[in-house]
């Protein structure tokens, strides 16, 4: 990632394109998991993706969910 704050495309067979142009300004909630889902912040999808990549580079794992979905309501189905 460079200093222009744009998500860069990686050439990979596992790459799943995110429709940034359509949904970049959609709001999401950033969570991490520690015995339960803990919300970190609300932000726009474009910024959340940048945060995800930064966390991934630091060996951390965060998850993005739509603002109207609380993963704690479904946490028992993941255990």
C-alpha atoms as a PDB file:
ATOM      1  CA  UNK A   1       0.000   0.000   0.000  1.00  0.00           C
ATOM      2  CA  UNK A   2       1.346   3.438  -0.776  1.00  0.00           C
ATOM      3  CA  UNK A   3       0.761   6.837   0.804  1.00  0.00           C
ATOM      4  CA  UNK A   4      -2.129   7.684  -1.544  1.00  0.00           C
ATOM      5  CA  UNK A   5      -4.466   5.624   0.674  1.00  0.00           C
ATOM      6  CA  UNK A   6      -5.766   3.585  -2.212  1.00  0.00           C
ATOM      7  CA  UNK A   7      -6.302  -0.136  -2.066  1.00  0.00           C
ATOM      8  CA  UNK A   8      -3.955  -1.847  -4.473  1.00  0.00           C
ATOM      9  CA  UNK A   9      -4.951  -4.856  -6.555  1.00  0.00           C
ATOM     10  CA  UNK A  10      -2.968  -8.040  -5.938  1.00  0.00           C
ATOM     11  CA  UNK A  11      -2.609 -10.512  -8.770  1.00  0.00           C
ATOM     12  CA  UNK A  12      -3.727 -13.749  -7.127  1.00  0.00           C
ATOM     13  CA  UNK A  13      -6.042 -16.606  -7.952  1.00  0.00           C
ATOM     14  CA  UNK A  14      -7.480 -16.148  -4.421  1.00  0.00           C
ATOM     15  CA  UNK A  15      -8.228 -12.453  -4.953  1.00  0.00           C
ATOM     16  CA  UNK A  16     -11.859 -11.521  -4.402  1.00  0.00           C
ATOM     17  CA  UNK A  17     -12.550  -8.058  -5.857  1.00  0.00           C
ATOM     18  CA  UNK A  18     -14.429  -5.618  -3.637  1.00  0.00           C
ATOM     19  CA  UNK A  19     -16.686  -3.194  -5.545  1.00  0.00           C
ATOM     20  CA  UNK A  20     -15.087  -0.099  -4.000  1.00  0.00           C
ATOM     21  CA  UNK A  21     -16.555   2.420  -6.402  1.00  0.00           C
ATOM     22  CA  UNK A  22     -20.120   1.402  -5.564  1.00  0.00           C
ATOM     23  CA  UNK A  23     -19.685   0.729  -1.863  1.00  0.00           C
ATOM     24  CA  UNK A  24     -16.643   2.757  -0.766  1.00  0.00           C
ATOM     25  CA  UNK A  25     -18.815   5.141   1.235  1.00  0.00           C
ATOM     26  CA  UNK A  26     -20.918   2.398   2.850  1.00  0.00           C
ATOM     27  CA  UNK A  27     -20.527   2.321   6.622  1.00  0.00           C
ATOM     28  CA  UNK A  28     -19.216  -0.801   8.320  1.00  0.00           C
ATOM     29  CA  UNK A  29     -18.210  -1.811  11.823  1.00  0.00           C
ATOM     30  CA  UNK A  30     -14.679  -3.049  12.453  1.00  0.00           C
ATOM     31  CA  UNK A  31     -14.467  -5.859  15.034  1.00  0.00           C
ATOM     32  CA  UNK A  32     -11.889  -8.121  16.574  1.00  0.00           C
ATOM     33  CA  UNK A  33     -12.594 -11.385  18.349  1.00  0.00           C
ATOM     34  CA  UNK A  34     -11.505 -12.102  21.923  1.00  0.00           C
ATOM     35  CA  UNK A  35     -13.932 -14.621  23.473  1.00  0.00           C
ATOM     36  CA  UNK A  36     -16.633 -12.452  21.902  1.00  0.00           C
ATOM     37  CA  UNK A  37     -16.916  -9.951  19.066  1.00  0.00           C
ATOM     38  CA  UNK A  38     -15.619  -6.548  20.172  1.00  0.00           C
ATOM     39  CA  UNK A  39     -16.440  -3.510  18.018  1.00  0.00           C
ATOM     40  CA  UNK A  40     -13.473  -1.233  17.439  1.00  0.00           C
ATOM     41  CA  UNK A  41     -14.955   1.524  15.317  1.00  0.00           C
ATOM     42  CA  UNK A  42     -17.441   2.516  12.654  1.00  0.00           C
ATOM     43  CA  UNK A  43     -16.062   3.808   9.379  1.00  0.00           C
ATOM     44  CA  UNK A  44     -16.511   3.776   5.637  1.00  0.00           C
ATOM     45  CA  UNK A  45     -15.706   0.547   3.795  1.00  0.00           C
ATOM     46  CA  UNK A  46     -12.777   2.084   1.932  1.00  0.00           C
ATOM     47  CA  UNK A  47     -11.070   3.108   5.194  1.00  0.00           C
ATOM     48  CA  UNK A  48     -11.981  -0.218   6.836  1.00  0.00           C
ATOM     49  CA  UNK A  49     -10.228  -2.122   4.059  1.00  0.00           C
ATOM     50  CA  UNK A  50      -7.113  -0.012   4.580  1.00  0.00           C
ATOM     51  CA  UNK A  51      -7.282  -0.744   8.320  1.00  0.00           C
ATOM     52  CA  UNK A  52      -7.689  -4.441   7.575  1.00  0.00           C
ATOM     53  CA  UNK A  53      -4.542  -4.497   5.431  1.00  0.00           C
ATOM     54  CA  UNK A  54      -2.570  -2.533   8.022  1.00  0.00           C
ATOM     55  CA  UNK A  55      -3.677  -4.885  10.822  1.00  0.00           C
ATOM     56  CA  UNK A  56      -2.846  -7.895   8.652  1.00  0.00           C
ATOM     57  CA  UNK A  57       0.690  -6.589   8.072  1.00  0.00           C
ATOM     58  CA  UNK A  58       1.089  -6.289  11.855  1.00  0.00           C
ATOM     59  CA  UNK A  59      -0.102  -9.868  12.366  1.00  0.00           C
ATOM     60  CA  UNK A  60      -3.499  -8.832  13.746  1.00  0.00           C
ATOM     61  CA  UNK A  61      -6.875 -10.027  12.555  1.00  0.00           C
ATOM     62  CA  UNK A  62      -9.890  -7.750  12.291  1.00  0.00           C
ATOM     63  CA  UNK A  63     -13.274  -8.332  10.692  1.00  0.00           C
ATOM     64  CA  UNK A  64     -15.687  -6.034   8.882  1.00  0.00           C
ATOM     65  CA  UNK A  65     -19.443  -6.327   9.270  1.00  0.00           C
ATOM     66  CA  UNK A  66     -22.342  -4.196   8.055  1.00  0.00           C
ATOM     67  CA  UNK A  67     -23.425  -1.726  10.729  1.00  0.00           C
ATOM     68  CA  UNK A  68     -26.812  -3.408  11.081  1.00  0.00           C
ATOM     69  CA  UNK A  69     -25.325  -6.845  11.856  1.00  0.00           C
ATOM     70  CA  UNK A  70     -24.127  -7.725  15.359  1.00  0.00           C
ATOM     71  CA  UNK A  71     -21.962 -10.871  15.129  1.00  0.00           C
ATOM     72  CA  UNK A  72     -22.453 -11.475  18.870  1.00  0.00           C
ATOM     73  CA  UNK A  73     -26.002 -12.545  18.087  1.00  0.00           C
ATOM     74  CA  UNK A  74     -24.583 -15.419  16.062  1.00  0.00           C
ATOM     75  CA  UNK A  75     -21.433 -16.176  18.077  1.00  0.00           C
ATOM     76  CA  UNK A  76     -22.737 -19.500  19.437  1.00  0.00           C
ATOM     77  CA  UNK A  77     -23.024 -20.832  15.888  1.00  0.00           C
ATOM     78  CA  UNK A  78     -19.277 -20.185  15.323  1.00  0.00           C
ATOM     79  CA  UNK A  79     -18.072 -22.089  18.392  1.00  0.00           C
END
